[in-house]
Amino acid sequence: MSSSGSPAAYGDDASVERRRTAFENGDLPVAVYGLGKMGLPLAAVYAETSGAVVGADVDDAVVDSVNRGECHVTGEPGLDDLVADLAADGALRATTNQEAAAMADVHVLIVPTKLDAGNAPDLSILESVVEDVATGLAAGDLVVVECTVPPKTCREVVGPLLERETGLSMGEFGLAFCPERTSSGRALEDIRGAYPKVVGGVDDASTRAATAIYEAINAKGVLAVSDAATAEAVKLFEGVYRDVNIALANELARFTDDLGIDVAEAIATANTQPFCEIHDPGPGVGGHCIPYYPYFLAHGRTEDAPLLRTARAVNDSMPGFVVGKLEEEFEAEGRSLDGARVAVLGLTYRPGVNELAKTPAEPIVDGLGEAGAEVFCVDPLLDDFSRFDATPTGIEDLPHCDLDAAVMVTPHEAFDAVDWHGFESGIVVIDGRGTLDLSRTPHRVYTIGSGLDV
């Protein structure tokens, strides 16, 4: 579908520079499949560079909103205006998967990949979209997978599925894995070039084709790796490093009381040595990435992964540790958590981000309820609290809730406004992130990693 005189998206007929120029001129139309919290920003950056992008989504409401120039993704600075401008200029529009496949030379897949009930990777959404792409795939097209997948997925799942559905062979079309390296709240900045883009193709021509495109949209350039499986592993390695490191910090935090030291202080001091970089402890690990990646990497491998599984177990145990510490502090005062009124502050998995995936606040709320507490929940980013078995409460109302305790899970900036001096009497506070300074208040404060403030 490339214009006369322009190279195909994939093949040995052009240099990287010539193919990049064709992409920037809009001669290689792009389809981005999946217009979610990472897909829409990606489609917008593609569109601002090439001016020839169609987004595809299974949700008709999302398709309609993009075509109206509206942005359904919240919390991404600059994205609202960018989508509006691109839609008005005709650089970005949206449609269904199969219609998009018929229009594009470059097919970029960024759809959810999840785990099933047994923590096995569930690629059913990806496979469904690949089948849609196949309806419009032509020789010379390039398929790029951005969503996180187990290593060898492009080679063993996506490629064979495209071959079976199209009758084409790999080598007639290109296939590369180029992982998204993007954080919520800074998507445009990351996609445009906060970090280099990792690119790995199933063959050298696929790597070159993907390099040409991503060098055009990413100011930091491209890190081309040996093959698609290596690129798939890179994405997972980034996540499991953090999971294992956080698990180390969380396990060390459990030594606080036995050692009688501020473990957080010890960690910070140890990190002044250039070969030490221990992360911060906390009440658990949430999000769409870190809690899932160890299973994507370990599932189906010949070798076991005891370290990855242990790290997951440690991090998954932290909400229970938080509830247990609160019970201990109540017992130290001769009281019981059963019947106590407890506020949980911060329900999203990360400060400033309206996302609930694997949030540690949920098992903390559940654990408090199982211990007999009456639970109140506070989060300035949420409108819908139905997921939590707790009574929603505003920040300004906390001093008037007759609380016995509070647990800081996710320290949104808005919590700086909590009037900790306004409570009628002292309460027990568990500070999950070490963000509170309550030293001049009447409250009994236990900080994860630092212990009791005495």
Protein backbone atom coordinates (compact mmCIF):
# COMPACT_ATOMS: atom_id res chain seq x y z
CA MET A 1 0.00 0.00 0.00
CA SER A 2 3.02 2.30 0.06
CA SER A 3 2.87 5.08 -2.48
CA SER A 4 4.56 4.73 -5.83
CA GLY A 5 8.31 5.08 -5.51
CA SER A 6 8.33 4.48 -1.76
CA PRO A 7 9.78 1.30 -0.24
CA ALA A 8 7.61 -1.30 1.42
CA ALA A 9 7.49 -1.27 5.21
CA TYR A 10 9.52 -4.51 5.25
CA GLY A 11 12.09 -5.95 2.89
CA ASP A 12 15.61 -5.56 1.57
CA ASP A 13 14.64 -2.94 -1.00
CA ALA A 14 15.62 0.11 1.04
CA SER A 15 18.06 1.49 3.55
CA VAL A 16 16.98 2.41 7.07
CA GLU A 17 17.20 6.08 6.08
CA ARG A 18 15.01 5.70 3.00
CA ARG A 19 12.37 3.72 4.87
CA ARG A 20 12.38 6.26 7.74
CA THR A 21 11.82 9.07 5.26
CA ALA A 22 8.89 7.22 3.71
CA PHE A 23 7.38 6.73 7.17
CA GLU A 24 7.81 10.42 8.08
CA ASN A 25 6.20 11.43 4.79
CA GLY A 26 3.12 9.35 5.56
CA ASP A 27 3.83 6.88 2.77
CA LEU A 28 3.75 3.91 5.16
CA PRO A 29 0.31 4.02 6.83
CA VAL A 30 0.26 2.78 10.42
CA ALA A 31 -2.42 0.96 12.39
CA VAL A 32 -2.16 0.86 16.19
CA TYR A 33 -4.29 -1.90 17.69
CA GLY A 34 -5.44 -1.17 21.25
CA LEU A 35 -6.19 2.43 22.24
CA GLY A 36 -5.89 2.02 25.98
CA LYS A 37 -3.78 3.91 28.49
CA MET A 38 -0.56 3.14 26.58
CA GLY A 39 -1.97 2.50 23.12
CA LEU A 40 -3.59 5.89 22.60
CA PRO A 41 -0.42 7.84 23.53
CA LEU A 42 1.57 5.58 21.20
CA ALA A 43 -0.87 6.13 18.35
CA ALA A 44 -0.70 9.89 18.96
CA VAL A 45 3.11 9.96 18.81
CA TYR A 46 3.06 7.88 15.63
CA ALA A 47 0.49 10.27 14.16
CA GLU A 48 2.36 13.46 15.04
CA THR A 49 5.41 12.04 13.26
CA SER A 50 3.87 10.43 10.16
CA GLY A 51 0.43 12.03 9.82
CA ALA A 52 -1.02 8.72 8.62
CA VAL A 53 -2.26 6.68 11.56
CA VAL A 54 -5.45 4.77 12.20
CA GLY A 55 -6.15 3.51 15.69
CA ALA A 56 -8.13 0.34 16.23
CA ASP A 57 -10.11 -0.78 19.25
CA VAL A 58 -12.85 -3.28 20.03
CA ASP A 59 -14.70 -0.67 22.09
CA ASP A 60 -16.95 1.38 19.81
CA ALA A 61 -17.12 4.16 22.41
CA VAL A 62 -13.33 4.53 22.29
CA VAL A 63 -13.34 4.60 18.49
CA ASP A 64 -16.06 7.26 18.43
CA SER A 65 -14.33 9.42 21.05
CA VAL A 66 -11.03 9.44 19.17
CA ASN A 67 -12.79 10.38 15.94
CA ARG A 68 -14.40 13.29 17.80
CA GLY A 69 -10.94 14.37 18.96
CA GLU A 70 -11.65 13.39 22.54
CA CYS A 71 -9.24 11.61 24.87
CA HIS A 72 -10.64 8.90 27.14
CA VAL A 73 -7.24 8.30 28.80
CA THR A 74 -6.82 10.43 31.90
CA GLY A 75 -3.75 11.55 33.79
CA GLU A 76 -1.44 11.95 30.77
CA PRO A 77 -0.14 15.53 30.44
CA GLY A 78 -0.57 16.92 26.93
CA LEU A 79 -2.47 13.96 25.52
CA ASP A 80 -5.91 15.64 25.46
CA ASP A 81 -4.71 18.52 23.29
CA LEU A 82 -2.56 16.28 21.09
CA VAL A 83 -5.43 13.91 20.27
CA ALA A 84 -7.74 16.84 19.53
CA ASP A 85 -5.20 18.45 17.19
CA LEU A 86 -4.33 15.21 15.39
CA ALA A 87 -7.97 14.28 14.87
CA ALA A 88 -8.75 17.74 13.53
CA ASP A 89 -5.84 17.50 11.08
CA GLY A 90 -6.81 14.02 9.92
CA ALA A 91 -3.50 12.59 11.12
CA LEU A 92 -5.23 10.26 13.57
CA ARG A 93 -8.53 8.51 13.27
CA ALA A 94 -9.97 5.28 14.62
CA THR A 95 -11.91 2.29 13.38
CA THR A 96 -12.29 -1.46 13.91
CA ASN A 97 -9.39 -3.92 13.87
CA GLN A 98 -10.11 -5.46 10.47
CA GLU A 99 -10.76 -2.15 8.76
CA ALA A 100 -7.49 -0.82 10.17
CA ALA A 101 -5.65 -3.93 8.94
CA ALA A 102 -6.84 -3.30 5.39
CA MET A 103 -5.45 0.26 5.47
CA ALA A 104 -2.00 -0.20 6.97
CA ASP A 105 1.51 -1.17 5.96
CA VAL A 106 2.73 -1.10 9.58
CA HIS A 107 0.70 -2.93 12.23
CA VAL A 108 1.50 -2.11 15.88
CA LEU A 109 -0.11 -4.30 18.56
CA ILE A 110 -0.37 -2.98 22.12
CA VAL A 111 -3.21 -4.91 23.76
CA PRO A 112 -3.56 -6.40 27.26
CA THR A 113 -1.74 -9.63 28.07
CA LYS A 114 -2.82 -11.14 31.36
CA LEU A 115 -2.51 -14.19 33.59
CA ASP A 116 -5.14 -16.86 34.03
CA ALA A 117 -6.34 -18.17 37.38
CA GLY A 118 -3.27 -20.39 37.62
CA ASN A 119 -0.83 -17.55 36.86
CA ALA A 120 -0.16 -18.87 33.36
CA PRO A 121 0.20 -16.24 30.58
CA ASP A 122 -3.09 -15.63 28.77
CA LEU A 123 -2.42 -14.44 25.23
CA SER A 124 -5.98 -14.85 23.98
CA ILE A 125 -6.53 -11.12 23.38
CA LEU A 126 -3.26 -10.83 21.47
CA GLU A 127 -4.07 -13.90 19.38
CA SER A 128 -7.50 -12.51 18.53
CA VAL A 129 -6.00 -9.24 17.34
CA VAL A 130 -3.33 -11.08 15.34
CA GLU A 131 -6.13 -12.90 13.53
CA ASP A 132 -7.72 -9.53 12.72
CA VAL A 133 -4.40 -8.18 11.45
CA ALA A 134 -4.10 -11.23 9.22
CA THR A 135 -7.25 -10.22 7.33
CA GLY A 136 -5.40 -7.26 5.86
CA LEU A 137 -1.75 -8.35 6.00
CA ALA A 138 0.08 -8.13 2.68
CA ALA A 139 3.55 -9.03 1.53
CA GLY A 140 5.92 -6.23 2.52
CA ASP A 141 3.97 -5.27 5.64
CA LEU A 142 5.60 -5.01 9.07
CA VAL A 143 4.00 -6.28 12.28
CA VAL A 144 5.28 -4.85 15.57
CA VAL A 145 4.32 -6.28 18.96
CA GLU A 146 4.64 -3.82 21.87
CA CYS A 147 2.63 -5.62 24.57
CA THR A 148 4.50 -7.70 27.11
CA VAL A 149 4.72 -11.40 26.26
CA PRO A 150 6.73 -14.47 27.26
CA PRO A 151 10.02 -14.90 25.39
CA LYS A 152 9.69 -16.58 21.97
CA THR A 153 6.06 -15.45 21.55
CA CYS A 154 6.73 -13.64 18.27
CA ARG A 155 8.63 -16.59 16.83
CA GLU A 156 6.39 -19.39 18.13
CA VAL A 157 2.92 -17.81 18.41
CA VAL A 158 2.45 -14.58 16.43
CA GLY A 159 4.47 -15.52 13.34
CA PRO A 160 2.96 -18.99 12.85
CA LEU A 161 -0.54 -17.63 13.44
CA LEU A 162 -0.05 -14.97 10.76
CA GLU A 163 1.36 -17.57 8.38
CA ARG A 164 -1.57 -19.91 8.93
CA GLU A 165 -4.19 -17.18 8.54
CA THR A 166 -2.66 -15.45 5.50
CA GLY A 167 -0.82 -18.14 3.54
CA LEU A 168 2.24 -15.88 3.62
CA SER A 169 5.57 -16.98 5.06
CA MET A 170 7.74 -15.08 7.51
CA GLY A 171 10.19 -13.37 5.23
CA GLU A 172 7.37 -12.13 3.04
CA PHE A 173 6.21 -9.94 5.94
CA GLY A 174 8.24 -8.53 8.82
CA LEU A 175 7.75 -9.20 12.53
CA ALA A 176 9.48 -7.44 15.41
CA PHE A 177 9.09 -7.05 19.13
CA CYS A 178 9.55 -3.51 20.42
CA PRO A 179 8.49 -3.36 24.08
CA GLU A 180 6.70 -0.35 25.47
CA ARG A 181 8.91 1.28 28.10
CA THR A 182 6.33 3.69 29.38
CA SER A 183 5.00 4.71 32.79
CA SER A 184 1.53 6.04 33.52
CA GLY A 185 1.53 9.80 33.92
CA ARG A 186 4.45 10.36 31.56
CA ALA A 187 3.51 8.34 28.49
CA LEU A 188 4.20 10.97 25.83
CA GLU A 189 7.56 11.86 27.34
CA ASP A 190 8.62 8.21 27.51
CA ILE A 191 7.47 7.30 24.01
CA ARG A 192 9.10 10.34 22.46
CA GLY A 193 12.44 9.48 23.98
CA ALA A 194 13.00 9.37 27.72
CA TYR A 195 14.71 6.04 27.02
CA PRO A 196 16.00 4.41 23.83
CA LYS A 197 13.59 2.04 22.11
CA VAL A 198 14.46 -1.65 22.21
CA VAL A 199 13.99 -3.38 18.85
CA GLY A 200 14.38 -7.04 17.95
CA GLY A 201 13.09 -8.73 14.81
CA VAL A 202 12.55 -12.35 13.86
CA ASP A 203 15.06 -11.65 11.09
CA ASP A 204 17.55 -8.91 10.26
CA ALA A 205 15.22 -7.23 7.77
CA SER A 206 12.51 -6.96 10.44
CA THR A 207 14.97 -5.39 12.86
CA ARG A 208 16.03 -2.86 10.24
CA ALA A 209 12.44 -2.03 9.32
CA ALA A 210 11.40 -1.46 12.95
CA THR A 211 14.57 0.54 13.58
CA ALA A 212 13.70 2.91 10.74
CA ILE A 213 10.32 3.67 12.25
CA TYR A 214 11.29 3.99 15.90
CA GLU A 215 14.28 6.17 15.16
CA ALA A 216 11.76 8.61 13.71
CA ILE A 217 9.57 8.80 16.82
CA ASN A 218 12.13 8.33 19.62
CA ALA A 219 14.70 11.07 20.18
CA LYS A 220 17.00 8.73 22.13
CA GLY A 221 17.19 6.32 19.22
CA VAL A 222 17.09 2.54 19.10
CA LEU A 223 18.86 -0.30 20.85
CA ALA A 224 18.73 -3.12 18.32
CA VAL A 225 19.17 -6.56 19.93
CA SER A 226 19.90 -9.93 18.39
CA ASP A 227 16.34 -11.10 17.83
CA ALA A 228 12.72 -10.78 18.94
CA ALA A 229 13.09 -13.25 21.83
CA THR A 230 15.93 -11.17 23.27
CA ALA A 231 13.78 -8.03 23.08
CA GLU A 232 10.91 -9.90 24.76
CA ALA A 233 13.25 -10.94 27.56
CA VAL A 234 14.62 -7.41 28.00
CA LYS A 235 11.17 -6.12 28.86
CA LEU A 236 10.65 -8.85 31.44
CA PHE A 237 14.12 -8.49 32.93
CA GLU A 238 13.43 -4.82 33.64
CA GLY A 239 10.36 -5.76 35.67
CA VAL A 240 11.71 -8.80 37.53
CA TYR A 241 14.80 -6.84 38.59
CA ARG A 242 12.54 -4.41 40.38
CA ASP A 243 10.35 -7.14 41.84
CA VAL A 244 13.33 -9.02 43.30
CA ASN A 245 14.94 -5.81 44.54
CA ILE A 246 11.74 -4.64 46.25
CA ALA A 247 11.35 -8.10 47.79
CA LEU A 248 14.85 -7.76 49.25
CA ALA A 249 13.95 -4.37 50.71
CA ASN A 250 10.68 -5.75 52.11
CA GLU A 251 12.41 -8.74 53.68
CA LEU A 252 15.03 -6.48 55.26
CA ALA A 253 12.23 -4.23 56.56
CA ARG A 254 10.92 -7.19 58.54
CA PHE A 255 14.19 -7.19 60.54
CA THR A 256 13.47 -3.73 61.94
CA ASP A 257 12.02 -4.82 65.27
CA ASP A 258 14.31 -7.80 65.87
CA LEU A 259 17.45 -5.76 65.17
CA GLY A 260 16.15 -2.65 66.87
CA ILE A 261 17.34 -0.44 64.01
CA ASP A 262 15.90 1.83 61.35
CA VAL A 263 16.33 -0.46 58.33
CA ALA A 264 15.35 2.33 55.94
CA GLU A 265 18.25 4.39 57.28
CA ALA A 266 20.59 1.42 56.87
CA ILE A 267 19.41 0.90 53.28
CA ALA A 268 19.88 4.58 52.40
CA THR A 269 23.37 4.54 53.86
CA ALA A 270 24.30 1.27 52.16
CA ASN A 271 23.21 2.79 48.86
CA THR A 272 25.95 5.42 49.09
CA GLN A 273 28.29 2.62 48.05
CA PRO A 274 28.28 2.60 44.23
CA PHE A 275 27.62 -1.14 43.90
CA CYS A 276 24.51 -1.11 46.11
CA GLU A 277 21.08 0.04 44.95
CA ILE A 278 18.44 -1.43 47.26
CA HIS A 279 14.92 -0.16 46.62
CA ASP A 280 12.52 1.12 49.29
CA PRO A 281 10.28 -1.21 51.33
CA GLY A 282 6.52 -0.75 51.35
CA PRO A 283 3.11 -2.34 51.88
CA GLY A 284 3.16 -4.35 48.64
CA VAL A 285 3.74 -4.17 44.89
CA GLY A 286 0.96 -3.29 42.45
CA GLY A 287 0.45 -2.28 38.86
CA HIS A 288 0.00 -3.86 35.44
CA CYS A 289 3.65 -4.86 35.17
CA ILE A 290 5.83 -5.94 38.08
CA PRO A 291 3.42 -8.43 39.73
CA TYR A 292 2.89 -10.19 36.36
CA TYR A 293 6.30 -10.31 34.70
CA PRO A 294 7.87 -13.08 36.82
CA TYR A 295 5.13 -15.45 35.64
CA PHE A 296 5.60 -14.46 32.00
CA LEU A 297 9.27 -15.31 32.33
CA ALA A 298 9.09 -18.44 34.49
CA HIS A 299 6.04 -20.19 33.05
CA GLY A 300 6.82 -23.20 30.87
CA ARG A 301 10.57 -22.99 31.32
CA THR A 302 12.67 -26.13 31.69
CA GLU A 303 14.57 -24.48 34.53
CA ASP A 304 12.72 -23.57 37.69
CA ALA A 305 12.73 -19.97 38.92
CA PRO A 306 12.91 -20.15 42.73
CA LEU A 307 14.21 -16.61 43.16
CA LEU A 308 11.42 -15.06 41.09
CA ARG A 309 8.76 -17.11 42.86
CA THR A 310 10.18 -16.29 46.30
CA ALA A 311 10.28 -12.57 45.48
CA ARG A 312 6.63 -12.72 44.43
CA ALA A 313 5.73 -14.50 47.65
CA VAL A 314 7.54 -11.91 49.77
CA ASN A 315 5.91 -8.97 48.02
CA ASP A 316 2.48 -10.60 48.05
CA SER A 317 2.83 -11.12 51.81
CA MET A 318 3.35 -7.44 52.63
CA PRO A 319 -0.34 -6.46 52.93
CA GLY A 320 -0.70 -9.20 55.55
CA PHE A 321 2.42 -7.93 57.28
CA VAL A 322 0.87 -4.45 57.44
CA VAL A 323 -2.34 -5.76 59.00
CA GLY A 324 -0.30 -7.87 61.43
CA LYS A 325 1.75 -4.86 62.53
CA LEU A 326 -1.41 -2.88 63.18
CA GLU A 327 -2.72 -5.73 65.33
CA GLU A 328 0.58 -5.79 67.26
CA GLU A 329 0.42 -2.07 67.95
CA PHE A 330 -3.16 -2.40 69.20
CA GLU A 331 -2.10 -5.25 71.48
CA ALA A 332 0.77 -3.11 72.81
CA GLU A 333 -1.88 -0.63 73.94
CA GLY A 334 -4.08 -3.37 75.41
CA ARG A 335 -6.67 -3.08 72.68
CA SER A 336 -8.04 -5.27 69.87
CA LEU A 337 -8.37 -4.57 66.18
CA ASP A 338 -11.76 -6.28 66.32
CA GLY A 339 -14.33 -3.46 66.34
CA ALA A 340 -11.75 -0.72 65.67
CA ARG A 341 -12.41 2.03 63.13
CA VAL A 342 -9.54 2.12 60.62
CA ALA A 343 -8.94 4.39 57.63
CA VAL A 344 -6.94 3.18 54.63
CA LEU A 345 -5.34 6.09 52.80
CA GLY A 346 -4.49 5.67 49.13
CA LEU A 347 -6.14 2.89 47.13
CA THR A 348 -4.42 3.19 43.76
CA TYR A 349 -1.21 1.25 43.32
CA ARG A 350 0.96 4.34 42.76
CA PRO A 351 0.86 7.98 43.89
CA GLY A 352 -0.80 10.28 41.39
CA VAL A 353 -1.96 7.44 39.10
CA ASN A 354 -5.60 6.40 38.86
CA GLU A 355 -4.95 2.68 38.44
CA LEU A 356 -6.03 -0.17 40.71
CA ALA A 357 -4.26 -3.14 39.10
CA LYS A 358 -2.94 -5.44 41.85
CA THR A 359 -3.10 -2.59 44.35
CA PRO A 360 -1.93 -3.68 47.82
CA ALA A 361 -4.69 -1.55 49.31
CA GLU A 362 -7.28 -4.19 48.36
CA PRO A 363 -5.84 -7.07 50.44
CA ILE A 364 -5.13 -4.62 53.26
CA VAL A 365 -8.79 -3.53 53.30
CA ASP A 366 -9.86 -7.17 53.15
CA GLY A 367 -7.45 -8.18 55.91
CA LEU A 368 -8.68 -5.43 58.20
CA GLY A 369 -12.26 -6.47 57.58
CA GLU A 370 -11.43 -10.11 58.35
CA ALA A 371 -9.87 -8.95 61.64
CA GLY A 372 -13.19 -7.34 62.57
CA ALA A 373 -12.31 -3.72 61.88
CA GLU A 374 -14.73 -1.18 60.45
CA VAL A 375 -12.82 0.14 57.44
CA PHE A 376 -12.97 3.59 55.86
CA CYS A 377 -11.15 4.28 52.58
CA VAL A 378 -9.78 7.52 51.18
CA ASP A 379 -8.44 8.25 47.71
CA PRO A 380 -8.71 11.65 46.01
CA LEU A 381 -8.24 10.10 42.53
CA LEU A 382 -11.15 7.67 42.64
CA ASP A 383 -14.83 8.18 41.95
CA ASP A 384 -15.85 4.53 42.17
CA PHE A 385 -15.06 2.70 45.42
CA SER A 386 -17.25 -0.34 44.78
CA ARG A 387 -14.24 -2.65 44.55
CA PHE A 388 -13.43 -2.08 48.22
CA ASP A 389 -15.39 -3.38 51.20
CA ALA A 390 -15.04 -0.08 53.02
CA THR A 391 -16.82 3.23 53.55
CA PRO A 392 -15.52 6.03 51.27
CA THR A 393 -14.45 9.12 53.19
CA GLY A 394 -13.05 12.52 52.24
CA ILE A 395 -9.67 13.76 53.44
CA GLU A 396 -11.25 16.65 55.29
CA ASP A 397 -13.57 14.24 57.15
CA LEU A 398 -10.85 12.03 58.62
CA PRO A 399 -10.52 13.90 61.95
CA HIS A 400 -14.28 13.55 62.45
CA CYS A 401 -14.57 9.79 61.80
CA ASP A 402 -13.78 8.77 65.37
CA LEU A 403 -10.89 6.68 64.07
CA ASP A 404 -8.78 4.29 66.09
CA ALA A 405 -6.15 3.82 63.38
CA ALA A 406 -5.02 4.81 59.90
CA VAL A 407 -2.89 3.00 57.32
CA MET A 408 -1.03 5.04 54.71
CA VAL A 409 -0.74 2.79 51.64
CA THR A 410 -0.28 5.17 48.70
CA PRO A 411 0.93 8.68 49.57
CA HIS A 412 -0.88 10.95 47.12
CA GLU A 413 0.17 14.60 47.40
CA ALA A 414 -3.36 15.47 48.51
CA PHE A 415 -2.73 13.65 51.78
CA ASP A 416 -0.36 16.46 52.78
CA ALA A 417 -3.59 18.28 53.71
CA VAL A 418 -4.59 15.75 56.38
CA ASP A 419 -4.93 17.58 59.71
CA TRP A 420 -3.20 15.07 61.94
CA HIS A 421 -3.46 17.49 64.87
CA GLY A 422 -7.23 17.69 64.42
CA PHE A 423 -8.02 14.25 65.84
CA GLU A 424 -9.66 14.30 69.26
CA SER A 425 -7.13 11.76 70.58
CA GLY A 426 -4.13 9.82 69.43
CA ILE A 427 -4.60 6.93 67.01
CA VAL A 428 -2.36 4.14 65.73
CA VAL A 429 -0.85 4.98 62.34
CA ILE A 430 0.93 2.53 60.04
CA ASP A 431 3.04 4.49 57.55
CA GLY A 432 3.58 2.14 54.63
CA ARG A 433 5.94 4.35 52.66
CA GLY A 434 7.80 6.44 55.23
CA THR A 435 6.25 9.66 54.01
CA LEU A 436 4.64 10.95 57.21
CA ASP A 437 6.15 13.23 59.84
CA LEU A 438 3.92 12.79 62.87
CA SER A 439 6.62 13.22 65.50
CA ARG A 440 4.84 16.15 67.17
CA THR A 441 1.40 14.56 67.17
CA PRO A 442 -0.19 12.34 69.84
CA HIS A 443 -0.37 9.37 67.46
CA ARG A 444 1.40 6.03 67.82
CA VAL A 445 3.24 5.66 64.50
CA TYR A 446 4.81 2.52 63.05
CA THR A 447 6.68 2.97 59.76
CA ILE A 448 7.41 -0.03 57.54
CA GLY A 449 11.20 -0.34 57.53
CA SER A 450 11.78 2.13 60.36
CA GLY A 451 9.68 0.77 63.20
CA LEU A 452 7.86 2.54 66.02
CA ASP A 453 8.38 6.28 66.36
CA VAL A 454 9.32 6.68 70.01
